[in-house]
Amino acid sequence: MLAAGSAGGHLTVGSLGLLRDSVGLTGVALLTAALIGGSLSWTGPLAYLVLSTYAIQEGWTTPGVWPDRPPHDHGAAICAALVFAAGVAVIAVRGARDSSAE
């Protein structure tokens, strides 16, 4: 909802940057859901954002830190797309780890 609502406004990283970041963080959430369960899948993107904030402060320039890259950076887009594809593949094969109580 926030991404759709901000589409009409001016974004500093642009719409492509927003799309890249949303796709990448969705992939991280899917991978986390496969590892520790769907109810805690929010911890993966949060941990990634903490790690990427540290990496940005230290001046890392790898495509793996895609939130800091310019919107038209192909390496960052490829990295985010690969994380998303891996998350979709793992969820399709294993599914989310849900406890027996759910």
PDB file of N, CA and C in Angstrom:
ATOM      1  N   MET A   1       0.831  -1.176   0.000  1.00  0.00           N
ATOM      2  CA  MET A   1       0.000   0.000   0.000  1.00  0.00           C
ATOM      3  C   MET A   1       0.885   1.253   0.000  1.00  0.00           C
ATOM      4  N   LEU A   2       1.946   1.237   0.790  1.00  0.00           N
ATOM      5  CA  LEU A   2       2.825   2.401   0.817  1.00  0.00           C
ATOM      6  C   LEU A   2       3.509   2.611  -0.522  1.00  0.00           C
ATOM      7  N   ALA A   3       3.941   1.519  -1.162  1.00  0.00           N
ATOM      8  CA  ALA A   3       4.596   1.639  -2.463  1.00  0.00           C
ATOM      9  C   ALA A   3       3.622   2.181  -3.496  1.00  0.00           C
ATOM     10  N   ALA A   4       2.396   1.709  -3.485  1.00  0.00           N
ATOM     11  CA  ALA A   4       1.402   2.195  -4.442  1.00  0.00           C
ATOM     12  C   ALA A   4       1.049   3.656  -4.160  1.00  0.00           C
ATOM     13  N   GLY A   5       0.969   4.027  -2.907  1.00  0.00           N
ATOM     14  CA  GLY A   5       0.648   5.407  -2.563  1.00  0.00           C
ATOM     15  C   GLY A   5       1.751   6.384  -2.895  1.00  0.00           C
ATOM     16  N   SER A   6       2.982   5.924  -2.875  1.00  0.00           N
ATOM     17  CA  SER A   6       4.097   6.835  -3.163  1.00  0.00           C
ATOM     18  C   SER A   6       4.403   6.915  -4.648  1.00  0.00           C
ATOM     19  N   ALA A   7       3.710   6.158  -5.470  1.00  0.00           N
ATOM     20  CA  ALA A   7       3.998   6.158  -6.911  1.00  0.00           C
ATOM     21  C   ALA A   7       3.721   7.523  -7.537  1.00  0.00           C
ATOM     22  N   GLY A   8       2.756   8.247  -7.013  1.00  0.00           N
ATOM     23  CA  GLY A   8       2.440   9.552  -7.574  1.00  0.00           C
ATOM     24  C   GLY A   8       3.363  10.658  -7.111  1.00  0.00           C
ATOM     25  N   GLY A   9       4.070  10.455  -6.036  1.00  0.00           N
ATOM     26  CA  GLY A   9       4.959  11.471  -5.490  1.00  0.00           C
ATOM     27  C   GLY A   9       6.356  11.384  -6.066  1.00  0.00           C
ATOM     28  N   HIS A  10       7.201  12.310  -5.655  1.00  0.00           N
ATOM     29  CA  HIS A  10       8.594  12.312  -6.099  1.00  0.00           C
ATOM     30  C   HIS A  10       9.416  11.429  -5.158  1.00  0.00           C
ATOM     31  N   LEU A  11      10.054  10.417  -5.711  1.00  0.00           N
ATOM     32  CA  LEU A  11      10.891   9.526  -4.925  1.00  0.00           C
ATOM     33  C   LEU A  11      12.348   9.847  -5.217  1.00  0.00           C
ATOM     34  N   THR A  12      13.161   9.931  -4.181  1.00  0.00           N
ATOM     35  CA  THR A  12      14.568  10.287  -4.389  1.00  0.00           C
ATOM     36  C   THR A  12      15.324   9.201  -5.134  1.00  0.00           C
ATOM     37  N   VAL A  13      14.962   7.940  -4.939  1.00  0.00           N
ATOM     38  CA  VAL A  13      15.631   6.862  -5.661  1.00  0.00           C
ATOM     39  C   VAL A  13      14.852   6.432  -6.884  1.00  0.00           C
ATOM     40  N   GLY A  14      13.714   7.023  -7.149  1.00  0.00           N
ATOM     41  CA  GLY A  14      12.934   6.707  -8.328  1.00  0.00           C
ATOM     42  C   GLY A  14      12.100   5.457  -8.166  1.00  0.00           C
ATOM     43  N   SER A  15      11.215   5.253  -9.117  1.00  0.00           N
ATOM     44  CA  SER A  15      10.330   4.095  -9.078  1.00  0.00           C
ATOM     45  C   SER A  15      11.095   2.800  -9.281  1.00  0.00           C
ATOM     46  N   LEU A  16      12.125   2.827 -10.115  1.00  0.00           N
ATOM     47  CA  LEU A  16      12.916   1.619 -10.335  1.00  0.00           C
ATOM     48  C   LEU A  16      13.650   1.202  -9.069  1.00  0.00           C
ATOM     49  N   GLY A  17      14.150   2.161  -8.325  1.00  0.00           N
ATOM     50  CA  GLY A  17      14.808   1.855  -7.063  1.00  0.00           C
ATOM     51  C   GLY A  17      13.839   1.265  -6.056  1.00  0.00           C
ATOM     52  N   LEU A  18      12.625   1.800  -6.005  1.00  0.00           N
ATOM     53  CA  LEU A  18      11.599   1.277  -5.105  1.00  0.00           C
ATOM     54  C   LEU A  18      11.217  -0.147  -5.495  1.00  0.00           C
ATOM     55  N   LEU A  19      11.060  -0.390  -6.784  1.00  0.00           N
ATOM     56  CA  LEU A  19      10.725  -1.732  -7.258  1.00  0.00           C
ATOM     57  C   LEU A  19      11.847  -2.713  -6.944  1.00  0.00           C
ATOM     58  N   ARG A  20      13.085  -2.329  -7.191  1.00  0.00           N
ATOM     59  CA  ARG A  20      14.237  -3.188  -6.914  1.00  0.00           C
ATOM     60  C   ARG A  20      14.317  -3.534  -5.427  1.00  0.00           C
ATOM     61  N   ASP A  21      14.167  -2.539  -4.579  1.00  0.00           N
ATOM     62  CA  ASP A  21      14.249  -2.773  -3.139  1.00  0.00           C
ATOM     63  C   ASP A  21      13.100  -3.642  -2.640  1.00  0.00           C
ATOM     64  N   SER A  22      11.899  -3.420  -3.166  1.00  0.00           N
ATOM     65  CA  SER A  22      10.743  -4.227  -2.752  1.00  0.00           C
ATOM     66  C   SER A  22      10.909  -5.681  -3.169  1.00  0.00           C
ATOM     67  N   VAL A  23      11.388  -5.901  -4.392  1.00  0.00           N
ATOM     68  CA  VAL A  23      11.598  -7.263  -4.879  1.00  0.00           C
ATOM     69  C   VAL A  23      12.685  -7.957  -4.058  1.00  0.00           C
ATOM     70  N   GLY A  24      13.780  -7.268  -3.798  1.00  0.00           N
ATOM     71  CA  GLY A  24      14.874  -7.864  -3.030  1.00  0.00           C
ATOM     72  C   GLY A  24      14.474  -8.203  -1.611  1.00  0.00           C
ATOM     73  N   LEU A  25      13.773  -7.302  -0.950  1.00  0.00           N
ATOM     74  CA  LEU A  25      13.367  -7.563   0.431  1.00  0.00           C
ATOM     75  C   LEU A  25      12.280  -8.631   0.510  1.00  0.00           C
ATOM     76  N   THR A  26      11.451  -8.734  -0.519  1.00  0.00           N
ATOM     77  CA  THR A  26      10.481  -9.824  -0.579  1.00  0.00           C
ATOM     78  C   THR A  26      11.208 -11.165  -0.683  1.00  0.00           C
ATOM     79  N   GLY A  27      12.257 -11.211  -1.493  1.00  0.00           N
ATOM     80  CA  GLY A  27      13.054 -12.427  -1.604  1.00  0.00           C
ATOM     81  C   GLY A  27      13.706 -12.804  -0.286  1.00  0.00           C
ATOM     82  N   VAL A  28      14.214 -11.824   0.432  1.00  0.00           N
ATOM     83  CA  VAL A  28      14.814 -12.088   1.740  1.00  0.00           C
ATOM     84  C   VAL A  28      13.750 -12.621   2.699  1.00  0.00           C
ATOM     85  N   ALA A  29      12.546 -12.052   2.650  1.00  0.00           N
ATOM     86  CA  ALA A  29      11.465 -12.524   3.521  1.00  0.00           C
ATOM     87  C   ALA A  29      11.058 -13.955   3.172  1.00  0.00           C
ATOM     88  N   LEU A  30      11.033 -14.294   1.889  1.00  0.00           N
ATOM     89  CA  LEU A  30      10.684 -15.659   1.491  1.00  0.00           C
ATOM     90  C   LEU A  30      11.736 -16.656   1.960  1.00  0.00           C
ATOM     91  N   LEU A  31      13.002 -16.293   1.828  1.00  0.00           N
ATOM     92  CA  LEU A  31      14.072 -17.172   2.307  1.00  0.00           C
ATOM     93  C   LEU A  31      13.992 -17.352   3.823  1.00  0.00           C
ATOM     94  N   THR A  32      13.695 -16.279   4.530  1.00  0.00           N
ATOM     95  CA  THR A  32      13.565 -16.360   5.985  1.00  0.00           C
ATOM     96  C   THR A  32      12.376 -17.225   6.378  1.00  0.00           C
ATOM     97  N   ALA A  33      11.275 -17.113   5.629  1.00  0.00           N
ATOM     98  CA  ALA A  33      10.099 -17.936   5.918  1.00  0.00           C
ATOM     99  C   ALA A  33      10.412 -19.410   5.746  1.00  0.00           C
ATOM    100  N   ALA A  34      11.233 -19.739   4.763  1.00  0.00           N
ATOM    101  CA  ALA A  34      11.600 -21.143   4.553  1.00  0.00           C
ATOM    102  C   ALA A  34      12.529 -21.646   5.651  1.00  0.00           C
ATOM    103  N   LEU A  35      13.332 -20.749   6.218  1.00  0.00           N
ATOM    104  CA  LEU A  35      14.294 -21.164   7.237  1.00  0.00           C
ATOM    105  C   LEU A  35      13.706 -21.223   8.646  1.00  0.00           C
ATOM    106  N   ILE A  36      12.988 -20.184   9.050  1.00  0.00           N
ATOM    107  CA  ILE A  36      12.539 -20.130  10.446  1.00  0.00           C
ATOM    108  C   ILE A  36      11.031 -20.038  10.606  1.00  0.00           C
ATOM    109  N   GLY A  37      10.286 -19.967   9.509  1.00  0.00           N
ATOM    110  CA  GLY A  37       8.837 -19.960   9.607  1.00  0.00           C
ATOM    111  C   GLY A  37       8.211 -18.673   9.109  1.00  0.00           C
ATOM    112  N   GLY A  38       6.983 -18.809   8.659  1.00  0.00           N
ATOM    113  CA  GLY A  38       6.275 -17.668   8.095  1.00  0.00           C
ATOM    114  C   GLY A  38       5.964 -16.579   9.098  1.00  0.00           C
ATOM    115  N   SER A  39       5.709 -16.955  10.339  1.00  0.00           N
ATOM    116  CA  SER A  39       5.348 -15.939  11.332  1.00  0.00           C
ATOM    117  C   SER A  39       6.530 -15.054  11.722  1.00  0.00           C
ATOM    118  N   LEU A  40       7.747 -15.517  11.482  1.00  0.00           N
ATOM    119  CA  LEU A  40       8.928 -14.712  11.795  1.00  0.00           C
ATOM    120  C   LEU A  40       9.679 -14.260  10.543  1.00  0.00           C
ATOM    121  N   SER A  41       9.020 -14.313   9.397  1.00  0.00           N
ATOM    122  CA  SER A  41       9.709 -13.964   8.156  1.00  0.00           C
ATOM    123  C   SER A  41      10.085 -12.488   8.082  1.00  0.00           C
ATOM    124  N   TRP A  42       9.512 -11.665   8.914  1.00  0.00           N
ATOM    125  CA  TRP A  42       9.850 -10.244   8.931  1.00  0.00           C
ATOM    126  C   TRP A  42      11.254  -9.998   9.484  1.00  0.00           C
ATOM    127  N   THR A  43      11.809 -10.948  10.225  1.00  0.00           N
ATOM    128  CA  THR A  43      13.125 -10.731  10.828  1.00  0.00           C
ATOM    129  C   THR A  43      14.245 -10.719   9.794  1.00  0.00           C
ATOM    130  N   GLY A  44      14.078 -11.443   8.688  1.00  0.00           N
ATOM    131  CA  GLY A  44      15.106 -11.469   7.643  1.00  0.00           C
ATOM    132  C   GLY A  44      15.314 -10.110   6.996  1.00  0.00           C
ATOM    133  N   PRO A  45      14.251  -9.464   6.474  1.00  0.00           N
ATOM    134  CA  PRO A  45      14.431  -8.138   5.902  1.00  0.00           C
ATOM    135  C   PRO A  45      14.932  -7.107   6.916  1.00  0.00           C
ATOM    136  N   LEU A  46      14.490  -7.229   8.170  1.00  0.00           N
ATOM    137  CA  LEU A  46      14.964  -6.298   9.190  1.00  0.00           C
ATOM    138  C   LEU A  46      16.452  -6.483   9.440  1.00  0.00           C
ATOM    139  N   ALA A  47      16.890  -7.744   9.544  1.00  0.00           N
ATOM    140  CA  ALA A  47      18.322  -8.006   9.737  1.00  0.00           C
ATOM    141  C   ALA A  47      19.123  -7.559   8.533  1.00  0.00           C
ATOM    142  N   TYR A  48      18.582  -7.748   7.321  1.00  0.00           N
ATOM    143  CA  TYR A  48      19.288  -7.292   6.124  1.00  0.00           C
ATOM    144  C   TYR A  48      19.418  -5.772   6.121  1.00  0.00           C
ATOM    145  N   LEU A  49      18.365  -5.075   6.514  1.00  0.00           N
ATOM    146  CA  LEU A  49      18.443  -3.616   6.529  1.00  0.00           C
ATOM    147  C   LEU A  49      19.449  -3.109   7.554  1.00  0.00           C
ATOM    148  N   VAL A  50      19.543  -3.772   8.703  1.00  0.00           N
ATOM    149  CA  VAL A  50      20.555  -3.385   9.697  1.00  0.00           C
ATOM    150  C   VAL A  50      21.950  -3.634   9.141  1.00  0.00           C
ATOM    151  N   LEU A  51      22.145  -4.792   8.526  1.00  0.00           N
ATOM    152  CA  LEU A  51      23.439  -5.117   7.930  1.00  0.00           C
ATOM    153  C   LEU A  51      23.786  -4.168   6.786  1.00  0.00           C
ATOM    154  N   SER A  52      22.814  -3.858   5.939  1.00  0.00           N
ATOM    155  CA  SER A  52      23.107  -2.963   4.821  1.00  0.00           C
ATOM    156  C   SER A  52      23.357  -1.532   5.292  1.00  0.00           C
ATOM    157  N   THR A  53      22.703  -1.113   6.370  1.00  0.00           N
ATOM    158  CA  THR A  53      22.982   0.218   6.927  1.00  0.00           C
ATOM    159  C   THR A  53      24.425   0.301   7.403  1.00  0.00           C
ATOM    160  N   TYR A  54      24.897  -0.756   8.071  1.00  0.00           N
ATOM    161  CA  TYR A  54      26.295  -0.797   8.490  1.00  0.00           C
ATOM    162  C   TYR A  54      27.213  -0.782   7.276  1.00  0.00           C
ATOM    163  N   ALA A  55      26.881  -1.558   6.252  1.00  0.00           N
ATOM    164  CA  ALA A  55      27.713  -1.623   5.053  1.00  0.00           C
ATOM    165  C   ALA A  55      27.769  -0.274   4.342  1.00  0.00           C
ATOM    166  N   ILE A  56      26.657   0.428   4.300  1.00  0.00           N
ATOM    167  CA  ILE A  56      26.610   1.745   3.663  1.00  0.00           C
ATOM    168  C   ILE A  56      27.461   2.737   4.445  1.00  0.00           C
ATOM    169  N   GLN A  57      27.395   2.680   5.777  1.00  0.00           N
ATOM    170  CA  GLN A  57      28.198   3.584   6.600  1.00  0.00           C
ATOM    171  C   GLN A  57      29.689   3.317   6.449  1.00  0.00           C
ATOM    172  N   GLU A  58      30.041   2.055   6.216  1.00  0.00           N
ATOM    173  CA  GLU A  58      31.451   1.697   6.039  1.00  0.00           C
ATOM    174  C   GLU A  58      31.944   1.922   4.614  1.00  0.00           C
ATOM    175  N   GLY A  59      31.047   2.275   3.704  1.00  0.00           N
ATOM    176  CA  GLY A  59      31.441   2.597   2.343  1.00  0.00           C
ATOM    177  C   GLY A  59      31.567   1.402   1.413  1.00  0.00           C
ATOM    178  N   TRP A  60      30.920   0.299   1.742  1.00  0.00           N
ATOM    179  CA  TRP A  60      30.954  -0.846   0.825  1.00  0.00           C
ATOM    180  C   TRP A  60      30.235  -0.470  -0.456  1.00  0.00           C
ATOM    181  N   THR A  61      30.716  -0.965  -1.580  1.00  0.00           N
ATOM    182  CA  THR A  61      30.109  -0.621  -2.868  1.00  0.00           C
ATOM    183  C   THR A  61      29.674  -1.857  -3.654  1.00  0.00           C
ATOM    184  N   THR A  62      29.424  -2.965  -2.997  1.00  0.00           N
ATOM    185  CA  THR A  62      29.028  -4.176  -3.692  1.00  0.00           C
ATOM    186  C   THR A  62      27.564  -4.092  -4.129  1.00  0.00           C
ATOM    187  N   PRO A  63      27.173  -4.818  -5.192  1.00  0.00           N
ATOM    188  CA  PRO A  63      25.768  -4.830  -5.596  1.00  0.00           C
ATOM    189  C   PRO A  63      24.867  -5.491  -4.555  1.00  0.00           C
ATOM    190  N   GLY A  64      25.441  -6.276  -3.647  1.00  0.00           N
ATOM    191  CA  GLY A  64      24.652  -6.911  -2.596  1.00  0.00           C
ATOM    192  C   GLY A  64      24.017  -5.923  -1.640  1.00  0.00           C
ATOM    193  N   VAL A  65      24.494  -4.713  -1.633  1.00  0.00           N
ATOM    194  CA  VAL A  65      23.897  -3.653  -0.815  1.00  0.00           C
ATOM    195  C   VAL A  65      23.044  -2.797  -1.759  1.00  0.00           C
ATOM    196  N   TRP A  66      22.003  -3.434  -2.317  1.00  0.00           N
ATOM    197  CA  TRP A  66      21.234  -2.761  -3.358  1.00  0.00           C
ATOM    198  C   TRP A  66      20.466  -1.542  -2.895  1.00  0.00           C
ATOM    199  N   PRO A  67      20.065  -1.364  -1.619  1.00  0.00           N
ATOM    200  CA  PRO A  67      19.363  -0.136  -1.261  1.00  0.00           C
ATOM    201  C   PRO A  67      20.207   1.128  -1.426  1.00  0.00           C
ATOM    202  N   ASP A  68      21.520   0.998  -1.389  1.00  0.00           N
ATOM    203  CA  ASP A  68      22.391   2.167  -1.507  1.00  0.00           C
ATOM    204  C   ASP A  68      22.795   2.459  -2.950  1.00  0.00           C
ATOM    205  N   ARG A  69      22.521   1.564  -3.847  1.00  0.00           N
ATOM    206  CA  ARG A  69      22.945   1.729  -5.229  1.00  0.00           C
ATOM    207  C   ARG A  69      21.999   2.668  -5.969  1.00  0.00           C
ATOM    208  N   PRO A  70      22.476   3.325  -7.033  1.00  0.00           N
ATOM    209  CA  PRO A  70      21.590   4.184  -7.835  1.00  0.00           C
ATOM    210  C   PRO A  70      20.453   3.368  -8.468  1.00  0.00           C
ATOM    211  N   PRO A  71      19.345   4.009  -8.814  1.00  0.00           N
ATOM    212  CA  PRO A  71      18.191   3.272  -9.325  1.00  0.00           C
ATOM    213  C   PRO A  71      18.464   2.504 -10.621  1.00  0.00           C
ATOM    214  N   HIS A  72      19.355   2.975 -11.450  1.00  0.00           N
ATOM    215  CA  HIS A  72      19.614   2.323 -12.738  1.00  0.00           C
ATOM    216  C   HIS A  72      20.835   1.415 -12.699  1.00  0.00           C
ATOM    217  N   ASP A  73      21.277   1.008 -11.520  1.00  0.00           N
ATOM    218  CA  ASP A  73      22.425   0.111 -11.389  1.00  0.00           C
ATOM    219  C   ASP A  73      21.988  -1.314 -11.727  1.00  0.00           C
ATOM    220  N   HIS A  74      22.537  -1.841 -12.809  1.00  0.00           N
ATOM    221  CA  HIS A  74      22.145  -3.169 -13.270  1.00  0.00           C
ATOM    222  C   HIS A  74      22.612  -4.270 -12.315  1.00  0.00           C
ATOM    223  N   GLY A  75      23.784  -4.127 -11.722  1.00  0.00           N
ATOM    224  CA  GLY A  75      24.294  -5.131 -10.792  1.00  0.00           C
ATOM    225  C   GLY A  75      23.408  -5.280  -9.571  1.00  0.00           C
ATOM    226  N   ALA A  76      22.949  -4.163  -9.029  1.00  0.00           N
ATOM    227  CA  ALA A  76      22.062  -4.213  -7.868  1.00  0.00           C
ATOM    228  C   ALA A  76      20.712  -4.810  -8.231  1.00  0.00           C
ATOM    229  N   ALA A  77      20.209  -4.488  -9.418  1.00  0.00           N
ATOM    230  CA  ALA A  77      18.926  -5.057  -9.860  1.00  0.00           C
ATOM    231  C   ALA A  77      19.050  -6.562 -10.067  1.00  0.00           C
ATOM    232  N   ILE A  78      20.150  -6.999 -10.633  1.00  0.00           N
ATOM    233  CA  ILE A  78      20.361  -8.435 -10.838  1.00  0.00           C
ATOM    234  C   ILE A  78      20.470  -9.145  -9.495  1.00  0.00           C
ATOM    235  N   CYS A  79      21.194  -8.558  -8.555  1.00  0.00           N
ATOM    236  CA  CYS A  79      21.354  -9.160  -7.228  1.00  0.00           C
ATOM    237  C   CYS A  79      20.007  -9.271  -6.521  1.00  0.00           C
ATOM    238  N   ALA A  80      19.197  -8.223  -6.558  1.00  0.00           N
ATOM    239  CA  ALA A  80      17.878  -8.257  -5.928  1.00  0.00           C
ATOM    240  C   ALA A  80      16.977  -9.279  -6.619  1.00  0.00           C
ATOM    241  N   ALA A  81      17.048  -9.368  -7.938  1.00  0.00           N
ATOM    242  CA  ALA A  81      16.232 -10.333  -8.675  1.00  0.00           C
ATOM    243  C   ALA A  81      16.662 -11.764  -8.367  1.00  0.00           C
ATOM    244  N   LEU A  82      17.956 -11.992  -8.203  1.00  0.00           N
ATOM    245  CA  LEU A  82      18.439 -13.328  -7.858  1.00  0.00           C
ATOM    246  C   LEU A  82      17.989 -13.746  -6.462  1.00  0.00           C
ATOM    247  N   VAL A  83      17.994 -12.814  -5.525  1.00  0.00           N
ATOM    248  CA  VAL A  83      17.511 -13.112  -4.170  1.00  0.00           C
ATOM    249  C   VAL A  83      16.021 -13.435  -4.210  1.00  0.00           C
ATOM    250  N   PHE A  84      15.267 -12.689  -5.006  1.00  0.00           N
ATOM    251  CA  PHE A  84      13.837 -12.961  -5.141  1.00  0.00           C
ATOM    252  C   PHE A  84      13.595 -14.329  -5.783  1.00  0.00           C
ATOM    253  N   ALA A  85      14.339 -14.631  -6.846  1.00  0.00           N
ATOM    254  CA  ALA A  85      14.183 -15.925  -7.526  1.00  0.00           C
ATOM    255  C   ALA A  85      14.549 -17.079  -6.596  1.00  0.00           C
ATOM    256  N   ALA A  86      15.602 -16.894  -5.803  1.00  0.00           N
ATOM    257  CA  ALA A  86      15.973 -17.932  -4.842  1.00  0.00           C
ATOM    258  C   ALA A  86      14.881 -18.119  -3.792  1.00  0.00           C
ATOM    259  N   GLY A  87      14.305 -17.029  -3.312  1.00  0.00           N
ATOM    260  CA  GLY A  87      13.235 -17.120  -2.334  1.00  0.00           C
ATOM    261  C   GLY A  87      12.004 -17.819  -2.884  1.00  0.00           C
ATOM    262  N   VAL A  88      11.626 -17.497  -4.123  1.00  0.00           N
ATOM    263  CA  VAL A  88      10.475 -18.142  -4.743  1.00  0.00           C
ATOM    264  C   VAL A  88      10.752 -19.628  -4.952  1.00  0.00           C
ATOM    265  N   ALA A  89      11.962 -19.967  -5.396  1.00  0.00           N
ATOM    266  CA  ALA A  89      12.304 -21.373  -5.626  1.00  0.00           C
ATOM    267  C   ALA A  89      12.291 -22.176  -4.336  1.00  0.00           C
ATOM    268  N   VAL A  90      12.859 -21.624  -3.276  1.00  0.00           N
ATOM    269  CA  VAL A  90      12.902 -22.340  -1.996  1.00  0.00           C
ATOM    270  C   VAL A  90      11.506 -22.509  -1.420  1.00  0.00           C
ATOM    271  N   ILE A  91      10.687 -21.486  -1.497  1.00  0.00           N
ATOM    272  CA  ILE A  91       9.318 -21.583  -0.990  1.00  0.00           C
ATOM    273  C   ILE A  91       8.506 -22.570  -1.830  1.00  0.00           C
ATOM    274  N   ALA A  92       8.732 -22.586  -3.142  1.00  0.00           N
ATOM    275  CA  ALA A  92       7.993 -23.513  -4.006  1.00  0.00           C
ATOM    276  C   ALA A  92       8.359 -24.966  -3.704  1.00  0.00           C
ATOM    277  N   VAL A  93       9.613 -25.222  -3.367  1.00  0.00           N
ATOM    278  CA  VAL A  93      10.045 -26.581  -3.096  1.00  0.00           C
ATOM    279  C   VAL A  93       9.716 -27.010  -1.664  1.00  0.00           C
ATOM    280  N   ARG A  94      10.075 -26.175  -0.688  1.00  0.00           N
ATOM    281  CA  ARG A  94       9.924 -26.551   0.720  1.00  0.00           C
ATOM    282  C   ARG A  94       8.674 -26.014   1.371  1.00  0.00           C
ATOM    283  N   GLY A  95       8.251 -24.848   0.970  1.00  0.00           N
ATOM    284  CA  GLY A  95       7.161 -24.181   1.674  1.00  0.00           C
ATOM    285  C   GLY A  95       7.683 -23.495   2.914  1.00  0.00           C
ATOM    286  N   ALA A  96       6.849 -22.706   3.540  1.00  0.00           N
ATOM    287  CA  ALA A  96       7.245 -22.026   4.775  1.00  0.00           C
ATOM    288  C   ALA A  96       7.227 -23.015   5.926  1.00  0.00           C
ATOM    289  N   ARG A  97       8.197 -22.901   6.798  1.00  0.00           N
ATOM    290  CA  ARG A  97       8.235 -23.770   7.984  1.00  0.00           C
ATOM    291  C   ARG A  97       7.231 -23.244   8.990  1.00  0.00           C
ATOM    292  N   ASP A  98       6.150 -23.941   9.149  1.00  0.00           N
ATOM    293  CA  ASP A  98       5.131 -23.568  10.127  1.00  0.00           C
ATOM    294  C   ASP A  98       5.145 -24.589  11.242  1.00  0.00           C
ATOM    295  N   SER A  99       4.918 -24.102  12.443  1.00  0.00           N
ATOM    296  CA  SER A  99       4.892 -25.027  13.582  1.00  0.00           C
ATOM    297  C   SER A  99       3.587 -25.801  13.582  1.00  0.00           C
ATOM    298  N   SER A 100       3.530 -26.852  14.348  1.00  0.00           N
ATOM    299  CA  SER A 100       2.316 -27.674  14.416  1.00  0.00           C
ATOM    300  C   SER A 100       1.160 -26.945  15.098  1.00  0.00           C
ATOM    301  N   ALA A 101       1.471 -25.895  15.839  1.00  0.00           N
ATOM    302  CA  ALA A 101       0.425 -25.145  16.531  1.00  0.00           C
ATOM    303  C   ALA A 101      -0.368 -24.255  15.561  1.00  0.00           C
ATOM    304  N   GLU A 102       0.208 -23.974  14.410  1.00  0.00           N
ATOM    305  CA  GLU A 102      -0.485 -23.054  13.475  1.00  0.00           C
ATOM    306  C   GLU A 102      -1.479 -23.757  12.617  1.00  0.00           C
TER     307      GLU A 102
END
